[in-house]
Amino acid sequence: MKDYLVYDVETQIPFEELKNGWDDPFGMKISSAVVYSSKTDQFYFFGHTEEERIRLCEMLNNQDVVTFNGISFDSRVVLGNDRLILEHGVTASSDKKYQWRNIDIYVILWKRILDWKGTVEELLEHLKKNRPPKGVFNLDSILWATLKMKKNGDGKDAPMLFKTGDFRKLYEYNLQDVRCERDLYRFIMRYKYLINGQYEIVEFV
């Protein structure tokens, strides 16, 4: 298997406190980020400063990067709300200084379900207008149905953990998210399917 990275970011500011809410991921700001490298089999941790954001961009730059809904959310937190979606699931900063190819499990899942022939950007817009049922296609439900594995918290709690300075719990949660996404990706690569929250098999072939 080709080397890959897995990353996940947590935020500082709840979407409720932002004028544009979920439409302003960059405004939520990074509170923490964790990256797993298959090449080194190590985890790498990043803080909340601008210098750390740039360090994260440099690590992800020109790599194959596994995420779950990373094209829609995490890439905008890291690269800006004006980040670009290029061909083959590549996300890039507006000046194209930083860019990486996303192996976005959430996007690939919906491509399989809908037999989607359009662009990634068009797919995300379609899903935004046609919200999937809750508790079926989110990471939590898929992890439990497929791997009997659970996350150890909720990303909505990250801003409070950051605000109160509970960085241990913040990074523990962030790290577990990355482990979960890594293990789910490994499962998909080996067995070519996953199971959604309604215990329906979605094949990846």
N, C-alpha and C. Protein backbone atom coordinates (compact mmCIF):
# COMPACT_ATOMS: atom_id res chain seq x y z
N MET A 1 0.84 -1.19 0.00
CA MET A 1 0.00 0.00 0.00
C MET A 1 0.88 1.25 0.00
N LYS A 2 0.48 2.23 -0.79
CA LYS A 2 1.22 3.48 -0.87
C LYS A 2 1.16 4.21 0.47
N ASP A 3 2.26 4.91 0.81
CA ASP A 3 2.29 5.67 2.06
C ASP A 3 1.19 6.73 2.07
N TYR A 4 0.65 6.98 3.25
CA TYR A 4 -0.41 7.96 3.38
C TYR A 4 -0.34 8.61 4.76
N LEU A 5 -1.02 9.73 4.91
CA LEU A 5 -1.19 10.40 6.19
C LEU A 5 -2.68 10.37 6.54
N VAL A 6 -2.96 10.42 7.83
CA VAL A 6 -4.33 10.59 8.32
C VAL A 6 -4.32 11.82 9.22
N TYR A 7 -5.27 12.74 9.00
CA TYR A 7 -5.26 13.92 9.89
C TYR A 7 -6.67 14.31 10.31
N ASP A 8 -6.71 14.98 11.43
CA ASP A 8 -7.97 15.50 11.97
C ASP A 8 -7.66 16.76 12.77
N VAL A 9 -8.51 17.76 12.64
CA VAL A 9 -8.33 19.00 13.41
C VAL A 9 -9.51 19.23 14.33
N GLU A 10 -9.25 19.84 15.46
CA GLU A 10 -10.29 20.31 16.37
C GLU A 10 -10.27 21.83 16.38
N THR A 11 -11.35 22.42 16.86
CA THR A 11 -11.51 23.87 16.73
C THR A 11 -11.54 24.59 18.08
N GLN A 12 -11.34 25.89 18.01
CA GLN A 12 -11.33 26.75 19.21
C GLN A 12 -12.69 27.36 19.52
N ILE A 13 -13.43 27.72 18.47
CA ILE A 13 -14.63 28.54 18.63
C ILE A 13 -15.86 27.75 18.17
N PRO A 14 -16.90 27.65 19.01
CA PRO A 14 -18.13 26.95 18.60
C PRO A 14 -18.79 27.66 17.42
N PHE A 15 -19.39 26.89 16.53
CA PHE A 15 -20.02 27.50 15.35
C PHE A 15 -21.13 28.46 15.74
N GLU A 16 -21.77 28.25 16.92
CA GLU A 16 -22.86 29.12 17.35
C GLU A 16 -22.39 30.55 17.61
N GLU A 17 -21.09 30.70 17.87
CA GLU A 17 -20.56 32.03 18.18
C GLU A 17 -20.12 32.80 16.94
N LEU A 18 -20.21 32.17 15.78
CA LEU A 18 -19.80 32.82 14.54
C LEU A 18 -21.02 33.27 13.75
N LYS A 19 -20.90 34.42 13.13
CA LYS A 19 -22.00 34.98 12.35
C LYS A 19 -22.49 34.02 11.28
N ASN A 20 -21.54 33.36 10.60
CA ASN A 20 -21.91 32.46 9.51
C ASN A 20 -21.90 30.99 9.91
N GLY A 21 -21.75 30.73 11.19
CA GLY A 21 -21.84 29.36 11.70
C GLY A 21 -20.98 28.35 10.98
N TRP A 22 -21.60 27.24 10.57
CA TRP A 22 -20.87 26.16 9.90
C TRP A 22 -20.29 26.58 8.56
N ASP A 23 -20.73 27.72 8.02
CA ASP A 23 -20.19 28.19 6.74
C ASP A 23 -18.87 28.92 6.91
N ASP A 24 -18.37 28.99 8.14
CA ASP A 24 -17.11 29.69 8.41
C ASP A 24 -16.15 28.80 9.21
N PRO A 25 -15.76 27.64 8.65
CA PRO A 25 -14.84 26.76 9.38
C PRO A 25 -13.52 27.43 9.74
N PHE A 26 -12.98 28.27 8.84
CA PHE A 26 -11.71 28.92 9.12
C PHE A 26 -11.82 29.84 10.33
N GLY A 27 -13.00 30.43 10.51
CA GLY A 27 -13.24 31.31 11.65
C GLY A 27 -13.28 30.56 12.97
N MET A 28 -13.50 29.24 12.92
CA MET A 28 -13.51 28.44 14.15
C MET A 28 -12.11 28.25 14.71
N LYS A 29 -11.11 28.38 13.90
CA LYS A 29 -9.69 28.33 14.26
C LYS A 29 -9.29 26.95 14.81
N ILE A 30 -8.07 26.59 14.55
CA ILE A 30 -7.53 25.31 15.00
C ILE A 30 -7.21 25.38 16.49
N SER A 31 -7.70 24.41 17.25
CA SER A 31 -7.27 24.27 18.64
C SER A 31 -6.19 23.21 18.75
N SER A 32 -6.32 22.16 17.93
CA SER A 32 -5.30 21.10 17.91
C SER A 32 -5.43 20.35 16.59
N ALA A 33 -4.38 19.64 16.24
CA ALA A 33 -4.40 18.77 15.07
C ALA A 33 -3.47 17.60 15.34
N VAL A 34 -3.84 16.45 14.80
CA VAL A 34 -3.02 15.25 14.91
C VAL A 34 -2.90 14.61 13.53
N VAL A 35 -1.71 14.16 13.21
CA VAL A 35 -1.44 13.48 11.94
C VAL A 35 -0.79 12.14 12.21
N TYR A 36 -1.28 11.11 11.52
CA TYR A 36 -0.63 9.80 11.55
C TYR A 36 0.07 9.57 10.23
N SER A 37 1.29 9.06 10.28
CA SER A 37 2.06 8.74 9.08
C SER A 37 2.22 7.23 8.97
N SER A 38 1.76 6.66 7.86
CA SER A 38 1.94 5.22 7.66
C SER A 38 3.41 4.88 7.41
N LYS A 39 4.15 5.83 6.89
CA LYS A 39 5.57 5.61 6.59
C LYS A 39 6.37 5.40 7.86
N THR A 40 6.13 6.22 8.87
CA THR A 40 6.89 6.14 10.12
C THR A 40 6.14 5.40 11.22
N ASP A 41 4.82 5.17 11.01
CA ASP A 41 3.95 4.59 12.02
C ASP A 41 3.98 5.41 13.31
N GLN A 42 3.99 6.72 13.14
CA GLN A 42 4.05 7.65 14.26
C GLN A 42 2.92 8.68 14.15
N PHE A 43 2.58 9.27 15.30
CA PHE A 43 1.61 10.35 15.36
C PHE A 43 2.34 11.67 15.60
N TYR A 44 1.84 12.73 15.00
CA TYR A 44 2.46 14.05 15.11
C TYR A 44 1.39 15.03 15.59
N PHE A 45 1.77 15.89 16.51
CA PHE A 45 0.82 16.77 17.17
C PHE A 45 1.12 18.24 16.84
N PHE A 46 0.02 19.00 16.67
CA PHE A 46 0.15 20.40 16.27
C PHE A 46 -0.73 21.26 17.16
N GLY A 47 -0.22 22.47 17.45
CA GLY A 47 -0.94 23.38 18.33
C GLY A 47 -1.81 24.37 17.58
N HIS A 48 -2.19 25.45 18.29
CA HIS A 48 -3.21 26.36 17.79
C HIS A 48 -2.65 27.64 17.16
N THR A 49 -1.35 27.83 17.15
CA THR A 49 -0.80 29.08 16.62
C THR A 49 -0.73 29.05 15.10
N GLU A 50 -0.53 30.21 14.51
CA GLU A 50 -0.38 30.31 13.06
C GLU A 50 0.85 29.54 12.60
N GLU A 51 1.90 29.58 13.38
CA GLU A 51 3.11 28.82 13.04
C GLU A 51 2.84 27.33 12.98
N GLU A 52 2.01 26.85 13.90
CA GLU A 52 1.65 25.44 13.90
C GLU A 52 0.75 25.09 12.72
N ARG A 53 -0.13 26.00 12.34
CA ARG A 53 -0.97 25.77 11.17
C ARG A 53 -0.12 25.62 9.91
N ILE A 54 0.89 26.47 9.79
CA ILE A 54 1.79 26.38 8.63
C ILE A 54 2.59 25.09 8.67
N ARG A 55 3.03 24.69 9.85
CA ARG A 55 3.77 23.43 9.99
C ARG A 55 2.90 22.25 9.56
N LEU A 56 1.62 22.31 9.92
CA LEU A 56 0.68 21.27 9.51
C LEU A 56 0.53 21.25 7.99
N CYS A 57 0.36 22.42 7.40
CA CYS A 57 0.24 22.51 5.93
C CYS A 57 1.47 21.93 5.24
N GLU A 58 2.62 22.22 5.79
CA GLU A 58 3.86 21.72 5.18
C GLU A 58 3.98 20.21 5.27
N MET A 59 3.47 19.62 6.35
CA MET A 59 3.51 18.17 6.47
C MET A 59 2.53 17.50 5.49
N LEU A 60 1.36 18.10 5.31
CA LEU A 60 0.34 17.52 4.43
C LEU A 60 0.61 17.81 2.96
N ASN A 61 1.40 18.81 2.68
CA ASN A 61 1.59 19.28 1.31
C ASN A 61 2.06 18.16 0.37
N ASN A 62 1.34 18.01 -0.73
CA ASN A 62 1.67 17.04 -1.80
C ASN A 62 1.60 15.58 -1.35
N GLN A 63 0.85 15.31 -0.29
CA GLN A 63 0.73 13.94 0.21
C GLN A 63 -0.67 13.38 -0.07
N ASP A 64 -0.80 12.06 0.06
CA ASP A 64 -2.10 11.41 0.05
C ASP A 64 -2.61 11.41 1.49
N VAL A 65 -3.76 12.02 1.71
CA VAL A 65 -4.22 12.29 3.07
C VAL A 65 -5.61 11.70 3.30
N VAL A 66 -5.71 10.81 4.27
CA VAL A 66 -6.98 10.18 4.62
C VAL A 66 -7.74 11.06 5.60
N THR A 67 -9.04 11.25 5.35
CA THR A 67 -9.89 12.02 6.24
C THR A 67 -11.28 11.40 6.25
N PHE A 68 -12.12 11.91 7.13
CA PHE A 68 -13.55 11.62 7.08
C PHE A 68 -14.25 12.96 7.06
N ASN A 69 -14.76 13.34 5.91
CA ASN A 69 -15.37 14.66 5.68
C ASN A 69 -14.34 15.78 5.72
N GLY A 70 -13.10 15.45 5.44
CA GLY A 70 -12.03 16.43 5.48
C GLY A 70 -12.08 17.46 4.37
N ILE A 71 -12.60 17.06 3.20
CA ILE A 71 -12.69 18.03 2.10
C ILE A 71 -13.64 19.15 2.46
N SER A 72 -14.78 18.79 3.04
CA SER A 72 -15.80 19.79 3.36
C SER A 72 -15.44 20.63 4.57
N PHE A 73 -14.83 19.99 5.58
CA PHE A 73 -14.61 20.72 6.84
C PHE A 73 -13.14 20.98 7.17
N ASP A 74 -12.38 19.93 7.46
CA ASP A 74 -11.01 20.12 7.97
C ASP A 74 -10.15 20.95 7.03
N SER A 75 -10.27 20.73 5.72
CA SER A 75 -9.42 21.47 4.79
C SER A 75 -9.73 22.96 4.83
N ARG A 76 -10.97 23.32 5.13
CA ARG A 76 -11.34 24.74 5.21
C ARG A 76 -10.85 25.35 6.52
N VAL A 77 -10.84 24.56 7.59
CA VAL A 77 -10.28 25.04 8.86
C VAL A 77 -8.79 25.35 8.68
N VAL A 78 -8.11 24.50 7.93
CA VAL A 78 -6.66 24.61 7.77
C VAL A 78 -6.27 25.59 6.67
N LEU A 79 -6.95 25.52 5.52
CA LEU A 79 -6.52 26.29 4.34
C LEU A 79 -7.32 27.58 4.12
N GLY A 80 -8.45 27.70 4.79
CA GLY A 80 -9.28 28.89 4.59
C GLY A 80 -10.60 28.53 3.93
N ASN A 81 -11.62 29.37 4.15
CA ASN A 81 -12.92 29.12 3.55
C ASN A 81 -12.90 29.20 2.03
N ASP A 82 -11.87 29.86 1.49
CA ASP A 82 -11.76 30.00 0.04
C ASP A 82 -10.85 28.94 -0.57
N ARG A 83 -10.59 27.85 0.20
CA ARG A 83 -9.74 26.80 -0.35
C ARG A 83 -10.36 26.24 -1.62
N LEU A 84 -9.54 25.74 -2.47
CA LEU A 84 -9.97 25.23 -3.78
C LEU A 84 -10.15 23.72 -3.73
N ILE A 85 -11.09 23.22 -4.50
CA ILE A 85 -11.22 21.78 -4.72
C ILE A 85 -10.84 21.53 -6.18
N LEU A 86 -9.72 20.87 -6.37
CA LEU A 86 -9.22 20.60 -7.71
C LEU A 86 -9.62 19.19 -8.13
N GLU A 87 -9.08 18.71 -9.22
CA GLU A 87 -9.42 17.38 -9.71
C GLU A 87 -8.92 16.30 -8.75
N HIS A 88 -9.59 15.15 -8.78
CA HIS A 88 -9.19 13.96 -8.04
C HIS A 88 -9.17 14.18 -6.52
N GLY A 89 -10.06 15.05 -6.02
CA GLY A 89 -10.17 15.25 -4.57
C GLY A 89 -9.03 16.02 -3.95
N VAL A 90 -8.31 16.79 -4.74
CA VAL A 90 -7.22 17.61 -4.22
C VAL A 90 -7.78 18.91 -3.66
N THR A 91 -7.39 19.24 -2.43
CA THR A 91 -7.73 20.54 -1.88
C THR A 91 -6.47 21.40 -1.85
N ALA A 92 -6.65 22.69 -2.09
CA ALA A 92 -5.50 23.59 -2.19
C ALA A 92 -5.83 24.94 -1.59
N SER A 93 -4.80 25.60 -1.05
CA SER A 93 -4.97 26.98 -0.62
C SER A 93 -5.25 27.83 -1.86
N SER A 94 -5.84 29.00 -1.65
CA SER A 94 -6.25 29.83 -2.79
C SER A 94 -5.08 30.20 -3.69
N ASP A 95 -3.88 30.28 -3.11
CA ASP A 95 -2.69 30.59 -3.93
C ASP A 95 -1.98 29.33 -4.41
N LYS A 96 -2.53 28.16 -4.06
CA LYS A 96 -2.02 26.84 -4.45
C LYS A 96 -0.62 26.55 -3.88
N LYS A 97 -0.24 27.29 -2.85
CA LYS A 97 1.04 27.02 -2.21
C LYS A 97 1.02 25.68 -1.51
N TYR A 98 -0.13 25.37 -0.90
CA TYR A 98 -0.28 24.08 -0.21
C TYR A 98 -1.45 23.33 -0.83
N GLN A 99 -1.22 22.06 -1.09
CA GLN A 99 -2.29 21.23 -1.64
C GLN A 99 -2.00 19.76 -1.37
N TRP A 100 -3.06 18.98 -1.21
CA TRP A 100 -2.88 17.54 -1.00
C TRP A 100 -4.10 16.80 -1.53
N ARG A 101 -3.88 15.53 -1.84
CA ARG A 101 -4.95 14.69 -2.36
C ARG A 101 -5.67 14.03 -1.20
N ASN A 102 -6.96 14.28 -1.10
CA ASN A 102 -7.76 13.73 -0.01
C ASN A 102 -8.33 12.36 -0.37
N ILE A 103 -8.08 11.40 0.48
CA ILE A 103 -8.79 10.13 0.41
C ILE A 103 -9.87 10.26 1.47
N ASP A 104 -10.95 10.94 1.09
CA ASP A 104 -12.02 11.30 2.02
C ASP A 104 -13.04 10.16 2.06
N ILE A 105 -13.04 9.41 3.14
CA ILE A 105 -13.90 8.23 3.25
C ILE A 105 -15.37 8.62 3.08
N TYR A 106 -15.77 9.76 3.63
CA TYR A 106 -17.15 10.21 3.53
C TYR A 106 -17.54 10.47 2.08
N VAL A 107 -16.67 11.12 1.35
CA VAL A 107 -16.94 11.43 -0.06
C VAL A 107 -16.96 10.15 -0.90
N ILE A 108 -16.00 9.28 -0.68
CA ILE A 108 -15.95 8.02 -1.44
C ILE A 108 -17.19 7.18 -1.16
N LEU A 109 -17.61 7.16 0.10
CA LEU A 109 -18.83 6.45 0.49
C LEU A 109 -20.02 6.91 -0.32
N TRP A 110 -20.22 8.22 -0.41
CA TRP A 110 -21.37 8.74 -1.14
C TRP A 110 -21.24 8.60 -2.65
N LYS A 111 -20.03 8.61 -3.14
CA LYS A 111 -19.84 8.32 -4.57
C LYS A 111 -20.34 6.92 -4.89
N ARG A 112 -20.05 5.96 -3.99
CA ARG A 112 -20.50 4.59 -4.20
C ARG A 112 -22.02 4.47 -4.09
N ILE A 113 -22.59 5.09 -3.07
CA ILE A 113 -24.03 4.97 -2.84
C ILE A 113 -24.83 5.59 -3.99
N LEU A 114 -24.41 6.77 -4.43
CA LEU A 114 -25.16 7.51 -5.46
C LEU A 114 -24.69 7.21 -6.87
N ASP A 115 -23.61 6.42 -6.99
CA ASP A 115 -22.99 6.19 -8.30
C ASP A 115 -22.71 7.54 -8.96
N TRP A 116 -22.07 8.42 -8.19
CA TRP A 116 -21.90 9.82 -8.57
C TRP A 116 -20.89 9.96 -9.72
N LYS A 117 -21.29 10.69 -10.76
CA LYS A 117 -20.42 10.91 -11.91
C LYS A 117 -19.92 12.35 -12.00
N GLY A 118 -20.46 13.22 -11.16
CA GLY A 118 -20.05 14.62 -11.20
C GLY A 118 -18.79 14.87 -10.40
N THR A 119 -18.50 16.14 -10.15
CA THR A 119 -17.30 16.52 -9.41
C THR A 119 -17.52 16.36 -7.91
N VAL A 120 -16.42 16.39 -7.17
CA VAL A 120 -16.50 16.34 -5.71
C VAL A 120 -17.26 17.56 -5.19
N GLU A 121 -16.99 18.70 -5.75
CA GLU A 121 -17.65 19.94 -5.31
C GLU A 121 -19.16 19.85 -5.51
N GLU A 122 -19.57 19.28 -6.65
CA GLU A 122 -21.00 19.12 -6.92
C GLU A 122 -21.63 18.12 -5.96
N LEU A 123 -20.89 17.07 -5.62
CA LEU A 123 -21.40 16.08 -4.67
C LEU A 123 -21.61 16.71 -3.30
N LEU A 124 -20.65 17.49 -2.84
CA LEU A 124 -20.78 18.13 -1.52
C LEU A 124 -21.96 19.10 -1.50
N GLU A 125 -22.19 19.80 -2.59
CA GLU A 125 -23.32 20.71 -2.67
C GLU A 125 -24.64 19.93 -2.65
N HIS A 126 -24.65 18.79 -3.33
CA HIS A 126 -25.84 17.93 -3.33
C HIS A 126 -26.15 17.44 -1.91
N LEU A 127 -25.11 17.01 -1.19
CA LEU A 127 -25.32 16.50 0.17
C LEU A 127 -25.74 17.61 1.13
N LYS A 128 -25.28 18.82 0.86
CA LYS A 128 -25.67 19.96 1.69
C LYS A 128 -27.16 20.26 1.53
N LYS A 129 -27.66 20.10 0.31
CA LYS A 129 -29.07 20.37 0.04
C LYS A 129 -29.96 19.19 0.41
N ASN A 130 -29.39 18.00 0.40
CA ASN A 130 -30.15 16.78 0.69
C ASN A 130 -29.48 16.06 1.86
N ARG A 131 -29.75 16.55 3.05
CA ARG A 131 -29.06 16.06 4.25
C ARG A 131 -29.31 14.57 4.47
N PRO A 132 -28.23 13.78 4.63
CA PRO A 132 -28.41 12.36 4.95
C PRO A 132 -29.06 12.19 6.32
N PRO A 133 -29.76 11.09 6.56
CA PRO A 133 -30.38 10.86 7.88
C PRO A 133 -29.32 10.79 8.97
N LYS A 134 -29.66 11.32 10.14
CA LYS A 134 -28.73 11.35 11.26
C LYS A 134 -28.48 9.93 11.79
N GLY A 135 -27.27 9.72 12.27
CA GLY A 135 -26.93 8.46 12.91
C GLY A 135 -26.75 7.30 11.96
N VAL A 136 -26.59 7.59 10.67
CA VAL A 136 -26.43 6.51 9.69
C VAL A 136 -25.08 6.60 8.98
N PHE A 137 -24.70 7.80 8.58
CA PHE A 137 -23.49 7.96 7.78
C PHE A 137 -22.42 8.80 8.48
N ASN A 138 -22.60 9.07 9.77
CA ASN A 138 -21.56 9.79 10.51
C ASN A 138 -20.46 8.81 10.95
N LEU A 139 -19.33 9.34 11.33
CA LEU A 139 -18.19 8.49 11.68
C LEU A 139 -18.50 7.57 12.85
N ASP A 140 -19.17 8.09 13.87
CA ASP A 140 -19.49 7.28 15.06
C ASP A 140 -20.25 6.01 14.70
N SER A 141 -21.33 6.17 13.93
CA SER A 141 -22.18 5.02 13.61
C SER A 141 -21.47 4.03 12.70
N ILE A 142 -20.69 4.53 11.77
CA ILE A 142 -19.96 3.65 10.86
C ILE A 142 -18.87 2.88 11.60
N LEU A 143 -18.18 3.56 12.51
CA LEU A 143 -17.14 2.89 13.30
C LEU A 143 -17.71 1.74 14.11
N TRP A 144 -18.84 2.00 14.76
CA TRP A 144 -19.42 0.96 15.62
C TRP A 144 -19.94 -0.20 14.79
N ALA A 145 -20.64 0.09 13.70
CA ALA A 145 -21.21 -0.96 12.87
C ALA A 145 -20.12 -1.78 12.18
N THR A 146 -19.04 -1.13 11.78
CA THR A 146 -17.99 -1.81 11.01
C THR A 146 -16.93 -2.45 11.89
N LEU A 147 -16.49 -1.72 12.91
CA LEU A 147 -15.33 -2.15 13.70
C LEU A 147 -15.65 -2.41 15.17
N LYS A 148 -16.89 -2.12 15.60
CA LYS A 148 -17.22 -2.15 17.03
C LYS A 148 -16.24 -1.27 17.82
N MET A 149 -15.96 -0.12 17.24
CA MET A 149 -15.00 0.84 17.78
C MET A 149 -15.72 2.15 18.03
N LYS A 150 -15.34 2.86 19.10
CA LYS A 150 -15.99 4.12 19.43
C LYS A 150 -14.97 5.26 19.55
N LYS A 151 -15.45 6.46 19.22
CA LYS A 151 -14.69 7.66 19.55
C LYS A 151 -14.79 7.86 21.06
N ASN A 152 -13.94 8.71 21.62
CA ASN A 152 -13.95 8.91 23.07
C ASN A 152 -14.46 10.30 23.45
N GLY A 153 -15.30 10.87 22.60
CA GLY A 153 -15.84 12.18 22.89
C GLY A 153 -16.57 12.75 21.70
N ASP A 154 -16.81 14.05 21.74
CA ASP A 154 -17.54 14.74 20.68
C ASP A 154 -16.76 16.00 20.32
N GLY A 155 -16.57 16.21 19.02
CA GLY A 155 -15.82 17.37 18.56
C GLY A 155 -16.41 18.69 19.02
N LYS A 156 -17.71 18.69 19.34
CA LYS A 156 -18.35 19.92 19.82
C LYS A 156 -17.80 20.35 21.18
N ASP A 157 -17.16 19.40 21.89
CA ASP A 157 -16.59 19.72 23.21
C ASP A 157 -15.20 20.34 23.11
N ALA A 158 -14.59 20.26 21.94
CA ALA A 158 -13.21 20.73 21.78
C ALA A 158 -13.03 22.20 22.15
N PRO A 159 -13.93 23.11 21.71
CA PRO A 159 -13.74 24.51 22.09
C PRO A 159 -13.71 24.74 23.60
N MET A 160 -14.55 24.03 24.35
CA MET A 160 -14.56 24.19 25.80
C MET A 160 -13.27 23.63 26.40
N LEU A 161 -12.80 22.51 25.90
CA LEU A 161 -11.53 21.94 26.39
C LEU A 161 -10.39 22.92 26.14
N PHE A 162 -10.42 23.56 24.97
CA PHE A 162 -9.40 24.54 24.65
C PHE A 162 -9.51 25.76 25.56
N LYS A 163 -10.72 26.24 25.74
CA LYS A 163 -10.96 27.44 26.54
C LYS A 163 -10.52 27.25 27.99
N THR A 164 -10.75 26.05 28.53
CA THR A 164 -10.41 25.78 29.93
C THR A 164 -8.98 25.28 30.09
N GLY A 165 -8.27 25.13 28.98
CA GLY A 165 -6.88 24.69 29.05
C GLY A 165 -6.70 23.22 29.34
N ASP A 166 -7.74 22.42 29.06
CA ASP A 166 -7.63 20.98 29.30
C ASP A 166 -7.07 20.31 28.05
N PHE A 167 -5.79 20.60 27.79
CA PHE A 167 -5.16 20.15 26.54
C PHE A 167 -4.94 18.64 26.51
N ARG A 168 -4.83 18.04 27.68
CA ARG A 168 -4.67 16.58 27.70
C ARG A 168 -5.90 15.90 27.10
N LYS A 169 -7.08 16.29 27.58
CA LYS A 169 -8.31 15.69 27.05
C LYS A 169 -8.52 16.06 25.59
N LEU A 170 -8.16 17.28 25.23
CA LEU A 170 -8.30 17.74 23.85
C LEU A 170 -7.47 16.87 22.91
N TYR A 171 -6.22 16.65 23.26
CA TYR A 171 -5.35 15.85 22.39
C TYR A 171 -5.70 14.36 22.45
N GLU A 172 -6.18 13.89 23.59
CA GLU A 172 -6.63 12.49 23.68
C GLU A 172 -7.79 12.24 22.71
N TYR A 173 -8.72 13.18 22.69
CA TYR A 173 -9.86 13.05 21.78
C TYR A 173 -9.40 13.14 20.33
N ASN A 174 -8.59 14.13 20.03
CA ASN A 174 -8.08 14.34 18.68
C ASN A 174 -7.30 13.11 18.19
N LEU A 175 -6.47 12.57 19.06
CA LEU A 175 -5.68 11.38 18.73
C LEU A 175 -6.58 10.18 18.43
N GLN A 176 -7.61 9.99 19.26
CA GLN A 176 -8.52 8.86 19.05
C GLN A 176 -9.26 8.98 17.73
N ASP A 177 -9.64 10.19 17.35
CA ASP A 177 -10.29 10.41 16.06
C ASP A 177 -9.39 9.92 14.92
N VAL A 178 -8.13 10.28 14.99
CA VAL A 178 -7.19 9.88 13.94
C VAL A 178 -7.00 8.37 13.94
N ARG A 179 -6.88 7.77 15.10
CA ARG A 179 -6.78 6.31 15.18
C ARG A 179 -8.00 5.64 14.53
N CYS A 180 -9.18 6.17 14.84
CA CYS A 180 -10.40 5.61 14.29
C CYS A 180 -10.42 5.70 12.76
N GLU A 181 -10.08 6.85 12.24
CA GLU A 181 -10.07 7.03 10.79
C GLU A 181 -9.02 6.15 10.13
N ARG A 182 -7.87 6.03 10.77
CA ARG A 182 -6.82 5.14 10.24
C ARG A 182 -7.30 3.69 10.19
N ASP A 183 -7.89 3.23 11.28
CA ASP A 183 -8.31 1.83 11.35
C ASP A 183 -9.47 1.56 10.38
N LEU A 184 -10.35 2.52 10.22
CA LEU A 184 -11.44 2.36 9.25
C LEU A 184 -10.88 2.28 7.84
N TYR A 185 -9.92 3.13 7.52
CA TYR A 185 -9.30 3.12 6.20
C TYR A 185 -8.59 1.79 5.95
N ARG A 186 -7.87 1.29 6.93
CA ARG A 186 -7.19 0.00 6.79
C ARG A 186 -8.20 -1.12 6.52
N PHE A 187 -9.32 -1.08 7.22
CA PHE A 187 -10.36 -2.09 7.04
C PHE A 187 -10.91 -2.03 5.61
N ILE A 188 -11.19 -0.82 5.15
CA ILE A 188 -11.73 -0.66 3.80
C ILE A 188 -10.73 -1.15 2.75
N MET A 189 -9.48 -0.83 2.93
CA MET A 189 -8.46 -1.25 1.98
C MET A 189 -8.31 -2.78 1.96
N ARG A 190 -8.52 -3.41 3.09
CA ARG A 190 -8.37 -4.87 3.16
C ARG A 190 -9.61 -5.62 2.69
N TYR A 191 -10.80 -5.14 3.14
CA TYR A 191 -12.02 -5.92 2.89
C TYR A 191 -12.94 -5.30 1.84
N LYS A 192 -12.68 -4.08 1.44
CA LYS A 192 -13.41 -3.40 0.35
C LYS A 192 -14.88 -3.12 0.68
N TYR A 193 -15.18 -2.89 1.94
CA TYR A 193 -16.54 -2.49 2.29
C TYR A 193 -16.53 -1.83 3.66
N LEU A 194 -17.61 -1.17 3.99
CA LEU A 194 -17.89 -0.74 5.36
C LEU A 194 -19.37 -0.95 5.63
N ILE A 195 -19.78 -0.75 6.88
CA ILE A 195 -21.17 -0.93 7.27
C ILE A 195 -21.68 0.38 7.87
N ASN A 196 -22.80 0.86 7.36
CA ASN A 196 -23.32 2.14 7.88
C ASN A 196 -24.14 1.92 9.15
N GLY A 197 -24.70 3.02 9.68
CA GLY A 197 -25.41 2.96 10.94
C GLY A 197 -26.71 2.17 10.91
N GLN A 198 -27.19 1.85 9.72
CA GLN A 198 -28.37 0.99 9.58
C GLN A 198 -27.96 -0.45 9.28
N TYR A 199 -26.68 -0.72 9.46
CA TYR A 199 -26.11 -2.05 9.24
C TYR A 199 -26.30 -2.53 7.79
N GLU A 200 -26.14 -1.57 6.89
CA GLU A 200 -26.14 -1.89 5.46
C GLU A 200 -24.71 -1.85 4.95
N ILE A 201 -24.36 -2.82 4.15
CA ILE A 201 -23.00 -2.90 3.61
C ILE A 201 -22.86 -1.98 2.40
N VAL A 202 -21.79 -1.17 2.40
CA VAL A 202 -21.44 -0.34 1.25
C VAL A 202 -20.10 -0.84 0.74
N GLU A 203 -20.10 -1.32 -0.49
CA GLU A 203 -18.89 -1.90 -1.07
C GLU A 203 -18.00 -0.83 -1.68
N PHE A 204 -16.70 -1.03 -1.55
CA PHE A 204 -15.69 -0.14 -2.14
C PHE A 204 -14.91 -0.96 -3.16
N VAL A 205 -15.48 -1.11 -4.34
CA VAL A 205 -14.81 -1.93 -5.38
C VAL A 205 -14.77 -1.16 -6.68
